[in-house]
Amino acid sequence: MEPLKEARNRVEGSSSSNNSNGRTSGGGRRSPTNCLIKPPVKKKTIPIDLKLRAVERARFAHQVAEKRRLIKQYKMERERQQKLEEEEEIKRLRKELIPKAQLMPYFDRPFVPRRSEKQPTVPREPKFCIPRHKTIKCCRCHAMT
């Protein structure tokens, strides 16, 4: 990490040394000392064992197939339960909603309607003119004008 900081300091120091016209020394070109030096990357060596990979892949494929089978079974069970619930609901509604006769009105008491307490509605005249923005535009109408 220390070489990286030193290189950064060198780059910052060299960029601050400007000529009189505001350009960096060297005509704006970068020299190898001006670039940041990165540490070398270590490569990770992974042993490739194809037989082990094949076994792991087969195990994973089996797990995925098992999971899909369980999901399918769960969906089928849920649909079956929903169907049973709907059938029971229909049976219950058929029992409750038996048509029953209406009670006969009492004719021994005369019915006297009461006057409404609401204000009567005020009639309005219809508007036969259609605003321009709501008119239907077609090719024939424009061709005729």
C-alpha atoms as a PDB file:
ATOM      1  CA  MET A   1       0.000   0.000   0.000  1.00  0.00           C
ATOM      2  CA  GLU A   2       2.936   2.307   0.678  1.00  0.00           C
ATOM      3  CA  PRO A   3       4.259   2.242  -2.934  1.00  0.00           C
ATOM      4  CA  LEU A   4       0.799   3.308  -4.102  1.00  0.00           C
ATOM      5  CA  LYS A   5       0.802   6.359  -1.824  1.00  0.00           C
ATOM      6  CA  GLU A   6       4.318   7.298  -2.920  1.00  0.00           C
ATOM      7  CA  ALA A   7       3.353   7.082  -6.590  1.00  0.00           C
ATOM      8  CA  ARG A   8       0.238   9.176  -5.951  1.00  0.00           C
ATOM      9  CA  ASN A   9       2.350  11.825  -4.195  1.00  0.00           C
ATOM     10  CA  ARG A  10       4.783  11.858  -7.128  1.00  0.00           C
ATOM     11  CA  VAL A  11       1.919  12.369  -9.601  1.00  0.00           C
ATOM     12  CA  GLU A  12       0.361  15.147  -7.538  1.00  0.00           C
ATOM     13  CA  GLY A  13       3.742  16.836  -7.105  1.00  0.00           C
ATOM     14  CA  SER A  14       4.552  16.753 -10.804  1.00  0.00           C
ATOM     15  CA  SER A  15       1.130  18.047 -11.840  1.00  0.00           C
ATOM     16  CA  SER A  16       1.520  21.041  -9.554  1.00  0.00           C
ATOM     17  CA  SER A  17       4.710  22.129 -11.346  1.00  0.00           C
ATOM     18  CA  ASN A  18       3.145  24.084 -14.205  1.00  0.00           C
ATOM     19  CA  ASN A  19       4.836  26.277 -16.788  1.00  0.00           C
ATOM     20  CA  SER A  20       4.023  29.958 -17.192  1.00  0.00           C
ATOM     21  CA  ASN A  21       1.261  29.225 -19.725  1.00  0.00           C
ATOM     22  CA  GLY A  22      -0.590  26.823 -17.419  1.00  0.00           C
ATOM     23  CA  ARG A  23       0.502  23.538 -19.021  1.00  0.00           C
ATOM     24  CA  THR A  24       2.252  20.710 -17.283  1.00  0.00           C
ATOM     25  CA  SER A  25       5.876  20.058 -18.005  1.00  0.00           C
ATOM     26  CA  GLY A  26       6.537  17.625 -20.846  1.00  0.00           C
ATOM     27  CA  GLY A  27       3.912  19.051 -23.181  1.00  0.00           C
ATOM     28  CA  GLY A  28       1.004  17.337 -21.415  1.00  0.00           C
ATOM     29  CA  ARG A  29       2.364  13.843 -22.029  1.00  0.00           C
ATOM     30  CA  ARG A  30       2.515  11.371 -19.220  1.00  0.00           C
ATOM     31  CA  SER A  31       5.761   9.746 -18.395  1.00  0.00           C
ATOM     32  CA  PRO A  32       5.889   6.324 -16.705  1.00  0.00           C
ATOM     33  CA  THR A  33       6.759   7.997 -13.412  1.00  0.00           C
ATOM     34  CA  ASN A  34       3.558  10.078 -13.501  1.00  0.00           C
ATOM     35  CA  CYS A  35       1.224   7.024 -13.755  1.00  0.00           C
ATOM     36  CA  LEU A  36      -0.085   5.336 -10.677  1.00  0.00           C
ATOM     37  CA  ILE A  37       1.656   2.071 -10.007  1.00  0.00           C
ATOM     38  CA  LYS A  38      -0.693  -0.710  -9.067  1.00  0.00           C
ATOM     39  CA  PRO A  39       0.446  -3.795  -7.196  1.00  0.00           C
ATOM     40  CA  PRO A  40       0.465  -6.995  -9.259  1.00  0.00           C
ATOM     41  CA  VAL A  41      -2.695  -9.061  -9.081  1.00  0.00           C
ATOM     42  CA  LYS A  42      -2.347 -12.537  -7.658  1.00  0.00           C
ATOM     43  CA  LYS A  43      -4.109 -15.181  -9.659  1.00  0.00           C
ATOM     44  CA  LYS A  44      -6.202 -17.650  -7.755  1.00  0.00           C
ATOM     45  CA  THR A  45      -5.582 -21.181  -8.815  1.00  0.00           C
ATOM     46  CA  ILE A  46      -8.767 -23.229  -8.673  1.00  0.00           C
ATOM     47  CA  PRO A  47      -8.330 -26.948  -9.136  1.00  0.00           C
ATOM     48  CA  ILE A  48     -10.830 -28.136 -11.749  1.00  0.00           C
ATOM     49  CA  ASP A  49     -12.261 -31.520 -10.940  1.00  0.00           C
ATOM     50  CA  LEU A  50     -14.813 -32.404 -13.586  1.00  0.00           C
ATOM     51  CA  LYS A  51     -16.114 -35.496 -11.796  1.00  0.00           C
ATOM     52  CA  LEU A  52     -16.785 -33.567  -8.619  1.00  0.00           C
ATOM     53  CA  ARG A  53     -18.448 -30.792 -10.632  1.00  0.00           C
ATOM     54  CA  ALA A  54     -20.646 -33.324 -12.430  1.00  0.00           C
ATOM     55  CA  VAL A  55     -21.735 -34.851  -9.110  1.00  0.00           C
ATOM     56  CA  GLU A  56     -22.539 -31.421  -7.636  1.00  0.00           C
ATOM     57  CA  ARG A  57     -24.433 -30.405 -10.778  1.00  0.00           C
ATOM     58  CA  ALA A  58     -26.473 -33.651 -10.692  1.00  0.00           C
ATOM     59  CA  ARG A  59     -27.286 -33.033  -7.026  1.00  0.00           C
ATOM     60  CA  PHE A  60     -28.354 -29.459  -7.812  1.00  0.00           C
ATOM     61  CA  ALA A  61     -30.498 -30.585 -10.771  1.00  0.00           C
ATOM     62  CA  HIS A  62     -32.161 -33.153  -8.496  1.00  0.00           C
ATOM     63  CA  GLN A  63     -32.894 -30.470  -5.877  1.00  0.00           C
ATOM     64  CA  VAL A  64     -34.393 -28.163  -8.513  1.00  0.00           C
ATOM     65  CA  ALA A  65     -36.568 -30.989  -9.891  1.00  0.00           C
ATOM     66  CA  GLU A  66     -37.733 -31.873  -6.375  1.00  0.00           C
ATOM     67  CA  LYS A  67     -38.560 -28.252  -5.622  1.00  0.00           C
ATOM     68  CA  ARG A  68     -40.558 -27.889  -8.847  1.00  0.00           C
ATOM     69  CA  ARG A  69     -42.434 -31.093  -8.078  1.00  0.00           C
ATOM     70  CA  LEU A  70     -43.302 -29.840  -4.579  1.00  0.00           C
ATOM     71  CA  ILE A  71     -44.493 -26.498  -5.963  1.00  0.00           C
ATOM     72  CA  LYS A  72     -46.673 -28.241  -8.542  1.00  0.00           C
ATOM     73  CA  GLN A  73     -48.100 -30.544  -5.866  1.00  0.00           C
ATOM     74  CA  TYR A  74     -48.781 -27.559  -3.577  1.00  0.00           C
ATOM     75  CA  LYS A  75     -50.607 -25.717  -6.381  1.00  0.00           C
ATOM     76  CA  MET A  76     -52.747 -28.752  -7.190  1.00  0.00           C
ATOM     77  CA  GLU A  77     -53.626 -29.207  -3.507  1.00  0.00           C
ATOM     78  CA  ARG A  78     -54.524 -25.531  -3.208  1.00  0.00           C
ATOM     79  CA  GLU A  79     -56.750 -25.669  -6.291  1.00  0.00           C
ATOM     80  CA  ARG A  80     -58.481 -28.766  -4.941  1.00  0.00           C
ATOM     81  CA  GLN A  81     -59.091 -27.077  -1.564  1.00  0.00           C
ATOM     82  CA  GLN A  82     -60.429 -23.961  -3.290  1.00  0.00           C
ATOM     83  CA  LYS A  83     -62.764 -26.060  -5.426  1.00  0.00           C
ATOM     84  CA  LEU A  84     -64.114 -27.852  -2.343  1.00  0.00           C
ATOM     85  CA  GLU A  85     -64.653 -24.529  -0.547  1.00  0.00           C
ATOM     86  CA  GLU A  86     -66.534 -23.123  -3.527  1.00  0.00           C
ATOM     87  CA  GLU A  87     -68.775 -26.209  -3.710  1.00  0.00           C
ATOM     88  CA  GLU A  88     -69.551 -25.963   0.022  1.00  0.00           C
ATOM     89  CA  GLU A  89     -70.318 -22.257  -0.364  1.00  0.00           C
ATOM     90  CA  ILE A  90     -72.696 -23.005  -3.249  1.00  0.00           C
ATOM     91  CA  LYS A  91     -74.472 -25.687  -1.181  1.00  0.00           C
ATOM     92  CA  ARG A  92     -74.807 -23.317   1.774  1.00  0.00           C
ATOM     93  CA  LEU A  93     -76.167 -20.512  -0.423  1.00  0.00           C
ATOM     94  CA  ARG A  94     -78.695 -22.848  -2.030  1.00  0.00           C
ATOM     95  CA  LYS A  95     -79.994 -23.839   1.410  1.00  0.00           C
ATOM     96  CA  GLU A  96     -80.202 -20.264   2.670  1.00  0.00           C
ATOM     97  CA  LEU A  97     -81.626 -18.690  -0.458  1.00  0.00           C
ATOM     98  CA  ILE A  98     -84.767 -20.738  -0.754  1.00  0.00           C
ATOM     99  CA  PRO A  99     -87.392 -18.468  -2.314  1.00  0.00           C
ATOM    100  CA  LYS A 100     -89.932 -17.532   0.325  1.00  0.00           C
ATOM    101  CA  ALA A 101     -93.335 -15.932  -0.137  1.00  0.00           C
ATOM    102  CA  GLN A 102     -93.712 -12.229   0.576  1.00  0.00           C
ATOM    103  CA  LEU A 103     -95.888 -11.249   3.493  1.00  0.00           C
ATOM    104  CA  MET A 104     -99.318  -9.944   2.559  1.00  0.00           C
ATOM    105  CA  PRO A 105     -99.831  -6.233   3.129  1.00  0.00           C
ATOM    106  CA  TYR A 106    -102.328  -5.117   5.713  1.00  0.00           C
ATOM    107  CA  PHE A 107    -105.425  -3.792   3.954  1.00  0.00           C
ATOM    108  CA  ASP A 108    -107.298  -2.907   7.120  1.00  0.00           C
ATOM    109  CA  ARG A 109    -105.129   0.231   7.543  1.00  0.00           C
ATOM    110  CA  PRO A 110    -105.295   2.703   4.669  1.00  0.00           C
ATOM    111  CA  PHE A 111    -101.981   3.814   3.172  1.00  0.00           C
ATOM    112  CA  VAL A 112    -101.552   7.570   3.112  1.00  0.00           C
ATOM    113  CA  PRO A 113     -98.360   8.731   1.446  1.00  0.00           C
ATOM    114  CA  ARG A 114     -96.545  11.615   3.103  1.00  0.00           C
ATOM    115  CA  ARG A 115     -95.449  14.681   1.261  1.00  0.00           C
ATOM    116  CA  SER A 116     -91.734  14.749   0.492  1.00  0.00           C
ATOM    117  CA  GLU A 117     -89.595  17.232   2.383  1.00  0.00           C
ATOM    118  CA  LYS A 118     -87.085  17.617  -0.465  1.00  0.00           C
ATOM    119  CA  GLN A 119     -87.064  20.578  -2.802  1.00  0.00           C
ATOM    120  CA  PRO A 120     -88.453  19.860  -6.276  1.00  0.00           C
ATOM    121  CA  THR A 121     -85.917  19.587  -9.084  1.00  0.00           C
ATOM    122  CA  VAL A 122     -85.425  22.523 -11.402  1.00  0.00           C
ATOM    123  CA  PRO A 123     -85.605  21.558 -15.092  1.00  0.00           C
ATOM    124  CA  ARG A 124     -82.790  22.667 -17.403  1.00  0.00           C
ATOM    125  CA  GLU A 125     -82.893  23.155 -21.119  1.00  0.00           C
ATOM    126  CA  PRO A 126     -80.741  20.744 -23.137  1.00  0.00           C
ATOM    127  CA  LYS A 127     -77.579  22.001 -24.844  1.00  0.00           C
ATOM    128  CA  PHE A 128     -77.672  21.123 -28.528  1.00  0.00           C
ATOM    129  CA  CYS A 129     -74.381  22.762 -29.492  1.00  0.00           C
ATOM    130  CA  ILE A 130     -71.295  20.555 -29.331  1.00  0.00           C
ATOM    131  CA  PRO A 131     -67.969  22.155 -28.378  1.00  0.00           C
ATOM    132  CA  ARG A 132     -65.303  22.144 -31.137  1.00  0.00           C
ATOM    133  CA  HIS A 133     -62.844  20.045 -29.160  1.00  0.00           C
ATOM    134  CA  LYS A 134     -65.439  17.254 -28.798  1.00  0.00           C
ATOM    135  CA  THR A 135     -66.437  17.020 -32.454  1.00  0.00           C
ATOM    136  CA  ILE A 136     -65.548  13.945 -34.466  1.00  0.00           C
ATOM    137  CA  LYS A 137     -62.962  14.634 -37.114  1.00  0.00           C
ATOM    138  CA  CYS A 138     -63.012  12.590 -40.290  1.00  0.00           C
ATOM    139  CA  CYS A 139     -61.442  12.828 -43.763  1.00  0.00           C
ATOM    140  CA  ARG A 140     -64.701  13.647 -45.579  1.00  0.00           C
ATOM    141  CA  CYS A 141     -65.559  16.594 -43.363  1.00  0.00           C
ATOM    142  CA  HIS A 142     -62.211  18.288 -44.007  1.00  0.00           C
ATOM    143  CA  ALA A 143     -62.296  17.501 -47.740  1.00  0.00           C
ATOM    144  CA  MET A 144     -65.685  19.194 -48.179  1.00  0.00           C
ATOM    145  CA  THR A 145     -64.659  22.481 -46.526  1.00  0.00           C
END
